[in-house]
Amino acid sequence: MESFLKPIIKTLFKRMNPKFPVIYGLAGIVLSLLGLAGFQYGAAYLYWPLAIICFSLIVYPTLFAWGLITFAYSTAVLIYIGFTIFELITEGQESTIFSDGIFVYLIYISIIIAIALGLILSKPLLINERPER
């Protein structure tokens, strides 16, 4: 059993070549800002560890950290799209997500979706692999 897990763990935590390291920084900045915005609600402890992982991907990219951040952003996208569909079905009666205005919400959702797609496309490569250009 140990010999089966050893190569998997080694692959998950091995240093890799980042494709687009800028997207990791943008994801970390967004998570840091969300942590600051949610500080009064006690949500900072949820966002800041993920932001630290995003910033660590710039310096030491691993497949595990990339998968964790990509999963978090993809889950957020699915949740926000679900909330948006629910609000559109109920025609926004007593809407909480449209409270800042639909335009602000659409910009926010667009940023989250763009970062999620960027993270999916920026999967780190092994050190000996070359990106196709």
N, C-alpha and C. Protein backbone atom coordinates (compact mmCIF):
# COMPACT_ATOMS: atom_id res chain seq x y z
N MET A 1 0.82 -1.19 0.00
CA MET A 1 0.00 0.00 0.00
C MET A 1 0.87 1.26 0.00
N GLU A 2 1.95 1.20 0.77
CA GLU A 2 2.84 2.35 0.85
C GLU A 2 3.52 2.61 -0.48
N SER A 3 3.90 1.57 -1.18
CA SER A 3 4.57 1.75 -2.47
C SER A 3 3.61 2.29 -3.53
N PHE A 4 2.31 2.07 -3.33
CA PHE A 4 1.31 2.59 -4.25
C PHE A 4 1.12 4.10 -4.05
N LEU A 5 1.10 4.56 -2.80
CA LEU A 5 0.86 5.97 -2.50
C LEU A 5 2.09 6.85 -2.70
N LYS A 6 3.27 6.29 -2.58
CA LYS A 6 4.49 7.09 -2.65
C LYS A 6 4.64 7.84 -3.97
N PRO A 7 4.46 7.21 -5.15
CA PRO A 7 4.59 7.98 -6.40
C PRO A 7 3.48 9.02 -6.57
N ILE A 8 2.30 8.72 -6.06
CA ILE A 8 1.20 9.68 -6.18
C ILE A 8 1.49 10.93 -5.36
N ILE A 9 1.92 10.73 -4.12
CA ILE A 9 2.25 11.86 -3.25
C ILE A 9 3.44 12.63 -3.81
N LYS A 10 4.41 11.92 -4.33
CA LYS A 10 5.58 12.58 -4.91
C LYS A 10 5.18 13.45 -6.11
N THR A 11 4.28 12.95 -6.94
CA THR A 11 3.81 13.73 -8.09
C THR A 11 2.99 14.94 -7.67
N LEU A 12 2.15 14.78 -6.66
CA LEU A 12 1.30 15.88 -6.21
C LEU A 12 2.10 17.03 -5.62
N PHE A 13 3.19 16.74 -4.94
CA PHE A 13 3.92 17.78 -4.23
C PHE A 13 5.28 18.12 -4.85
N LYS A 14 5.54 17.62 -6.05
CA LYS A 14 6.78 17.93 -6.75
C LYS A 14 6.69 19.34 -7.34
N ARG A 15 7.82 20.03 -7.35
CA ARG A 15 7.86 21.36 -7.96
C ARG A 15 7.63 21.23 -9.46
N MET A 16 6.82 22.15 -10.01
CA MET A 16 6.47 22.09 -11.42
C MET A 16 6.71 23.45 -12.07
N ASN A 17 6.64 23.48 -13.39
CA ASN A 17 6.75 24.73 -14.14
C ASN A 17 5.37 25.37 -14.25
N PRO A 18 5.22 26.61 -13.80
CA PRO A 18 3.93 27.27 -13.97
C PRO A 18 3.76 27.74 -15.41
N LYS A 19 2.55 27.58 -15.95
CA LYS A 19 2.29 28.07 -17.31
C LYS A 19 2.10 29.58 -17.29
N PHE A 20 1.17 30.05 -16.47
CA PHE A 20 0.85 31.47 -16.36
C PHE A 20 0.88 31.86 -14.88
N PRO A 21 2.03 32.20 -14.33
CA PRO A 21 2.09 32.51 -12.90
C PRO A 21 1.31 33.76 -12.51
N VAL A 22 1.01 34.62 -13.47
CA VAL A 22 0.26 35.85 -13.17
C VAL A 22 -1.15 35.53 -12.67
N ILE A 23 -1.76 34.48 -13.21
CA ILE A 23 -3.13 34.15 -12.81
C ILE A 23 -3.18 33.73 -11.34
N TYR A 24 -2.09 33.12 -10.84
CA TYR A 24 -2.06 32.74 -9.43
C TYR A 24 -2.04 33.99 -8.55
N GLY A 25 -1.29 34.99 -8.97
CA GLY A 25 -1.25 36.25 -8.23
C GLY A 25 -2.59 36.96 -8.24
N LEU A 26 -3.25 36.99 -9.41
CA LEU A 26 -4.58 37.60 -9.49
C LEU A 26 -5.59 36.87 -8.61
N ALA A 27 -5.54 35.55 -8.62
CA ALA A 27 -6.44 34.77 -7.77
C ALA A 27 -6.18 35.06 -6.29
N GLY A 28 -4.91 35.20 -5.93
CA GLY A 28 -4.57 35.52 -4.55
C GLY A 28 -5.01 36.90 -4.14
N ILE A 29 -4.88 37.87 -5.04
CA ILE A 29 -5.33 39.24 -4.74
C ILE A 29 -6.83 39.27 -4.54
N VAL A 30 -7.58 38.60 -5.41
CA VAL A 30 -9.04 38.57 -5.28
C VAL A 30 -9.44 37.92 -3.96
N LEU A 31 -8.80 36.80 -3.61
CA LEU A 31 -9.11 36.15 -2.34
C LEU A 31 -8.73 37.01 -1.15
N SER A 32 -7.63 37.75 -1.24
CA SER A 32 -7.25 38.66 -0.15
C SER A 32 -8.28 39.77 0.02
N LEU A 33 -8.73 40.34 -1.09
CA LEU A 33 -9.75 41.39 -1.01
C LEU A 33 -11.08 40.86 -0.48
N LEU A 34 -11.44 39.65 -0.89
CA LEU A 34 -12.66 39.05 -0.35
C LEU A 34 -12.52 38.78 1.15
N GLY A 35 -11.33 38.40 1.57
CA GLY A 35 -11.08 38.21 2.99
C GLY A 35 -11.21 39.51 3.77
N LEU A 36 -10.69 40.60 3.19
CA LEU A 36 -10.84 41.90 3.84
C LEU A 36 -12.30 42.34 3.90
N ALA A 37 -13.03 42.09 2.81
CA ALA A 37 -14.45 42.47 2.78
C ALA A 37 -15.26 41.63 3.75
N GLY A 38 -14.89 40.38 3.93
CA GLY A 38 -15.63 39.51 4.83
C GLY A 38 -15.08 39.47 6.24
N PHE A 39 -14.12 40.36 6.55
CA PHE A 39 -13.48 40.34 7.86
C PHE A 39 -14.49 40.59 8.98
N GLN A 40 -15.42 41.50 8.74
CA GLN A 40 -16.40 41.82 9.78
C GLN A 40 -17.40 40.69 10.00
N TYR A 41 -17.52 39.79 9.04
CA TYR A 41 -18.43 38.66 9.18
C TYR A 41 -17.71 37.39 9.63
N GLY A 42 -16.43 37.48 9.84
CA GLY A 42 -15.65 36.33 10.27
C GLY A 42 -15.28 35.39 9.14
N ALA A 43 -15.26 35.89 7.92
CA ALA A 43 -14.96 35.04 6.77
C ALA A 43 -13.50 35.11 6.34
N ALA A 44 -12.71 35.94 6.98
CA ALA A 44 -11.32 36.11 6.58
C ALA A 44 -10.54 34.81 6.72
N TYR A 45 -10.84 34.04 7.73
CA TYR A 45 -10.10 32.79 7.93
C TYR A 45 -10.40 31.77 6.84
N LEU A 46 -11.45 31.96 6.07
CA LEU A 46 -11.73 31.08 4.94
C LEU A 46 -10.96 31.49 3.69
N TYR A 47 -10.81 32.80 3.48
CA TYR A 47 -10.21 33.31 2.25
C TYR A 47 -8.70 33.42 2.31
N TRP A 48 -8.15 33.86 3.44
CA TRP A 48 -6.72 34.14 3.50
C TRP A 48 -5.84 32.90 3.38
N PRO A 49 -6.19 31.75 3.94
CA PRO A 49 -5.34 30.57 3.67
C PRO A 49 -5.30 30.20 2.19
N LEU A 50 -6.45 30.34 1.51
CA LEU A 50 -6.45 30.07 0.07
C LEU A 50 -5.62 31.11 -0.69
N ALA A 51 -5.65 32.36 -0.22
CA ALA A 51 -4.84 33.40 -0.85
C ALA A 51 -3.35 33.10 -0.66
N ILE A 52 -2.98 32.63 0.51
CA ILE A 52 -1.58 32.27 0.76
C ILE A 52 -1.16 31.12 -0.16
N ILE A 53 -2.05 30.16 -0.36
CA ILE A 53 -1.73 29.05 -1.27
C ILE A 53 -1.57 29.57 -2.70
N CYS A 54 -2.42 30.52 -3.10
CA CYS A 54 -2.29 31.11 -4.44
C CYS A 54 -0.94 31.80 -4.60
N PHE A 55 -0.54 32.58 -3.60
CA PHE A 55 0.75 33.27 -3.69
C PHE A 55 1.91 32.28 -3.65
N SER A 56 1.74 31.18 -2.94
CA SER A 56 2.81 30.18 -2.89
C SER A 56 2.98 29.48 -4.25
N LEU A 57 1.90 29.44 -5.03
CA LEU A 57 1.99 28.84 -6.37
C LEU A 57 2.93 29.63 -7.29
N ILE A 58 3.10 30.90 -7.02
CA ILE A 58 4.02 31.71 -7.83
C ILE A 58 5.45 31.27 -7.58
N VAL A 59 5.76 30.98 -6.32
CA VAL A 59 7.13 30.63 -5.94
C VAL A 59 7.41 29.13 -6.10
N TYR A 60 6.47 28.31 -5.63
CA TYR A 60 6.67 26.85 -5.64
C TYR A 60 5.38 26.17 -6.11
N PRO A 61 5.17 26.10 -7.43
CA PRO A 61 3.93 25.50 -7.94
C PRO A 61 3.91 23.98 -7.80
N THR A 62 2.84 23.47 -7.24
CA THR A 62 2.64 22.02 -7.15
C THR A 62 1.28 21.68 -7.72
N LEU A 63 1.13 20.44 -8.11
CA LEU A 63 -0.14 19.99 -8.67
C LEU A 63 -1.24 20.00 -7.61
N PHE A 64 -0.89 19.68 -6.36
CA PHE A 64 -1.87 19.67 -5.28
C PHE A 64 -2.43 21.07 -5.01
N ALA A 65 -1.55 22.07 -4.89
CA ALA A 65 -2.00 23.43 -4.63
C ALA A 65 -2.83 23.96 -5.80
N TRP A 66 -2.39 23.67 -7.02
CA TRP A 66 -3.16 24.10 -8.20
C TRP A 66 -4.56 23.47 -8.18
N GLY A 67 -4.63 22.18 -7.87
CA GLY A 67 -5.93 21.50 -7.83
C GLY A 67 -6.83 22.05 -6.75
N LEU A 68 -6.26 22.38 -5.60
CA LEU A 68 -7.04 22.93 -4.50
C LEU A 68 -7.63 24.29 -4.87
N ILE A 69 -6.82 25.16 -5.42
CA ILE A 69 -7.29 26.49 -5.79
C ILE A 69 -8.26 26.42 -6.97
N THR A 70 -7.97 25.59 -7.94
CA THR A 70 -8.88 25.43 -9.08
C THR A 70 -10.23 24.89 -8.62
N PHE A 71 -10.21 23.93 -7.71
CA PHE A 71 -11.45 23.38 -7.16
C PHE A 71 -12.24 24.46 -6.41
N ALA A 72 -11.55 25.27 -5.62
CA ALA A 72 -12.24 26.33 -4.86
C ALA A 72 -12.89 27.34 -5.79
N TYR A 73 -12.17 27.79 -6.80
CA TYR A 73 -12.74 28.77 -7.74
C TYR A 73 -13.85 28.14 -8.59
N SER A 74 -13.68 26.91 -9.03
CA SER A 74 -14.72 26.26 -9.83
C SER A 74 -15.99 26.05 -9.01
N THR A 75 -15.83 25.69 -7.75
CA THR A 75 -16.99 25.54 -6.88
C THR A 75 -17.69 26.88 -6.67
N ALA A 76 -16.91 27.93 -6.49
CA ALA A 76 -17.50 29.26 -6.33
C ALA A 76 -18.29 29.67 -7.58
N VAL A 77 -17.74 29.37 -8.74
CA VAL A 77 -18.44 29.70 -9.99
C VAL A 77 -19.77 28.95 -10.06
N LEU A 78 -19.76 27.67 -9.76
CA LEU A 78 -21.00 26.89 -9.80
C LEU A 78 -22.02 27.40 -8.79
N ILE A 79 -21.58 27.77 -7.61
CA ILE A 79 -22.49 28.29 -6.59
C ILE A 79 -23.08 29.62 -7.04
N TYR A 80 -22.24 30.53 -7.53
CA TYR A 80 -22.75 31.83 -7.98
C TYR A 80 -23.69 31.71 -9.17
N ILE A 81 -23.38 30.82 -10.09
CA ILE A 81 -24.29 30.62 -11.22
C ILE A 81 -25.61 30.04 -10.74
N GLY A 82 -25.55 29.12 -9.79
CA GLY A 82 -26.78 28.57 -9.21
C GLY A 82 -27.61 29.63 -8.52
N PHE A 83 -26.96 30.50 -7.73
CA PHE A 83 -27.68 31.58 -7.07
C PHE A 83 -28.29 32.55 -8.07
N THR A 84 -27.55 32.82 -9.14
CA THR A 84 -28.05 33.73 -10.16
C THR A 84 -29.27 33.15 -10.86
N ILE A 85 -29.23 31.89 -11.20
CA ILE A 85 -30.39 31.25 -11.83
C ILE A 85 -31.58 31.25 -10.89
N PHE A 86 -31.35 30.97 -9.61
CA PHE A 86 -32.42 30.99 -8.62
C PHE A 86 -33.03 32.39 -8.50
N GLU A 87 -32.18 33.42 -8.49
CA GLU A 87 -32.69 34.78 -8.39
C GLU A 87 -33.48 35.17 -9.64
N LEU A 88 -33.05 34.70 -10.81
CA LEU A 88 -33.77 35.02 -12.03
C LEU A 88 -35.12 34.29 -12.08
N ILE A 89 -35.16 33.06 -11.56
CA ILE A 89 -36.43 32.32 -11.53
C ILE A 89 -37.42 32.99 -10.58
N THR A 90 -36.93 33.43 -9.42
CA THR A 90 -37.83 34.08 -8.44
C THR A 90 -37.99 35.56 -8.71
N GLU A 91 -37.43 36.03 -9.81
CA GLU A 91 -37.53 37.42 -10.25
C GLU A 91 -36.97 38.40 -9.23
N GLY A 92 -35.99 37.97 -8.46
CA GLY A 92 -35.27 38.86 -7.57
C GLY A 92 -36.05 39.41 -6.40
N GLN A 93 -37.09 38.71 -5.97
CA GLN A 93 -37.86 39.18 -4.82
C GLN A 93 -37.02 39.08 -3.57
N GLU A 94 -36.83 40.21 -2.89
CA GLU A 94 -35.98 40.29 -1.71
C GLU A 94 -34.60 39.72 -1.98
N SER A 95 -34.02 40.15 -3.07
CA SER A 95 -32.74 39.63 -3.51
C SER A 95 -31.61 40.10 -2.60
N THR A 96 -30.78 39.16 -2.20
CA THR A 96 -29.61 39.52 -1.40
C THR A 96 -28.37 39.64 -2.27
N ILE A 97 -28.30 38.90 -3.36
CA ILE A 97 -27.09 38.97 -4.18
C ILE A 97 -27.11 40.15 -5.13
N PHE A 98 -28.28 40.69 -5.42
CA PHE A 98 -28.36 41.86 -6.28
C PHE A 98 -28.44 43.15 -5.46
N SER A 99 -28.14 43.10 -4.17
CA SER A 99 -28.32 44.26 -3.30
C SER A 99 -27.38 45.41 -3.67
N ASP A 100 -26.18 45.11 -4.19
CA ASP A 100 -25.25 46.16 -4.60
C ASP A 100 -25.52 46.64 -6.02
N GLY A 101 -26.44 46.01 -6.68
CA GLY A 101 -26.74 46.36 -8.06
C GLY A 101 -26.34 45.24 -8.99
N ILE A 102 -27.09 45.07 -10.04
CA ILE A 102 -26.86 43.99 -10.98
C ILE A 102 -25.53 44.18 -11.71
N PHE A 103 -25.18 45.42 -12.04
CA PHE A 103 -23.95 45.68 -12.77
C PHE A 103 -22.73 45.27 -11.95
N VAL A 104 -22.70 45.64 -10.68
CA VAL A 104 -21.58 45.27 -9.81
C VAL A 104 -21.50 43.75 -9.67
N TYR A 105 -22.63 43.11 -9.52
CA TYR A 105 -22.66 41.65 -9.39
C TYR A 105 -22.15 40.98 -10.66
N LEU A 106 -22.54 41.48 -11.82
CA LEU A 106 -22.08 40.89 -13.08
C LEU A 106 -20.58 41.06 -13.27
N ILE A 107 -20.03 42.20 -12.86
CA ILE A 107 -18.58 42.40 -12.93
C ILE A 107 -17.88 41.41 -12.01
N TYR A 108 -18.40 41.26 -10.81
CA TYR A 108 -17.82 40.34 -9.83
C TYR A 108 -17.84 38.90 -10.36
N ILE A 109 -18.97 38.48 -10.87
CA ILE A 109 -19.10 37.12 -11.41
C ILE A 109 -18.17 36.93 -12.61
N SER A 110 -18.06 37.95 -13.46
CA SER A 110 -17.18 37.85 -14.63
C SER A 110 -15.73 37.66 -14.20
N ILE A 111 -15.31 38.38 -13.16
CA ILE A 111 -13.93 38.24 -12.67
C ILE A 111 -13.70 36.83 -12.13
N ILE A 112 -14.64 36.33 -11.34
CA ILE A 112 -14.49 34.99 -10.75
C ILE A 112 -14.46 33.92 -11.84
N ILE A 113 -15.33 34.04 -12.85
CA ILE A 113 -15.35 33.06 -13.95
C ILE A 113 -14.05 33.13 -14.76
N ALA A 114 -13.57 34.36 -15.03
CA ALA A 114 -12.33 34.50 -15.80
C ALA A 114 -11.15 33.89 -15.05
N ILE A 115 -11.08 34.12 -13.75
CA ILE A 115 -9.98 33.54 -12.97
C ILE A 115 -10.09 32.02 -12.93
N ALA A 116 -11.31 31.50 -12.78
CA ALA A 116 -11.49 30.04 -12.75
C ALA A 116 -11.05 29.42 -14.08
N LEU A 117 -11.45 30.03 -15.19
CA LEU A 117 -11.02 29.52 -16.50
C LEU A 117 -9.51 29.64 -16.67
N GLY A 118 -8.94 30.75 -16.21
CA GLY A 118 -7.50 30.93 -16.28
C GLY A 118 -6.76 29.89 -15.46
N LEU A 119 -7.30 29.56 -14.29
CA LEU A 119 -6.66 28.54 -13.46
C LEU A 119 -6.73 27.16 -14.12
N ILE A 120 -7.86 26.86 -14.74
CA ILE A 120 -8.00 25.57 -15.42
C ILE A 120 -6.98 25.46 -16.56
N LEU A 121 -6.79 26.55 -17.28
CA LEU A 121 -5.85 26.54 -18.41
C LEU A 121 -4.39 26.61 -17.97
N SER A 122 -4.12 27.02 -16.74
CA SER A 122 -2.74 27.22 -16.30
C SER A 122 -2.22 26.07 -15.44
N LYS A 123 -2.65 24.87 -15.72
CA LYS A 123 -2.16 23.70 -14.98
C LYS A 123 -0.65 23.64 -15.10
N PRO A 124 0.05 23.54 -13.97
CA PRO A 124 1.51 23.49 -14.05
C PRO A 124 2.01 22.24 -14.76
N LEU A 125 3.14 22.39 -15.43
CA LEU A 125 3.75 21.28 -16.17
C LEU A 125 4.90 20.71 -15.36
N LEU A 126 5.26 19.48 -15.66
CA LEU A 126 6.45 18.91 -15.05
C LEU A 126 7.68 19.69 -15.50
N ILE A 127 8.73 19.65 -14.72
CA ILE A 127 9.93 20.42 -15.01
C ILE A 127 10.49 20.08 -16.39
N ASN A 128 10.47 18.81 -16.78
CA ASN A 128 11.06 18.42 -18.07
C ASN A 128 10.11 18.59 -19.24
N GLU A 129 8.85 18.97 -19.02
CA GLU A 129 7.92 19.21 -20.12
C GLU A 129 8.06 20.64 -20.62
N ARG A 130 7.89 20.81 -21.89
CA ARG A 130 7.94 22.13 -22.50
C ARG A 130 6.54 22.54 -22.92
N PRO A 131 6.15 23.79 -22.65
CA PRO A 131 4.84 24.23 -23.13
C PRO A 131 4.83 24.33 -24.65
N GLU A 132 3.71 23.97 -25.24
CA GLU A 132 3.57 24.05 -26.70
C GLU A 132 3.25 25.47 -27.08
N ARG A 133 4.09 26.06 -27.93
CA ARG A 133 3.86 27.44 -28.35
C ARG A 133 3.90 27.55 -29.83
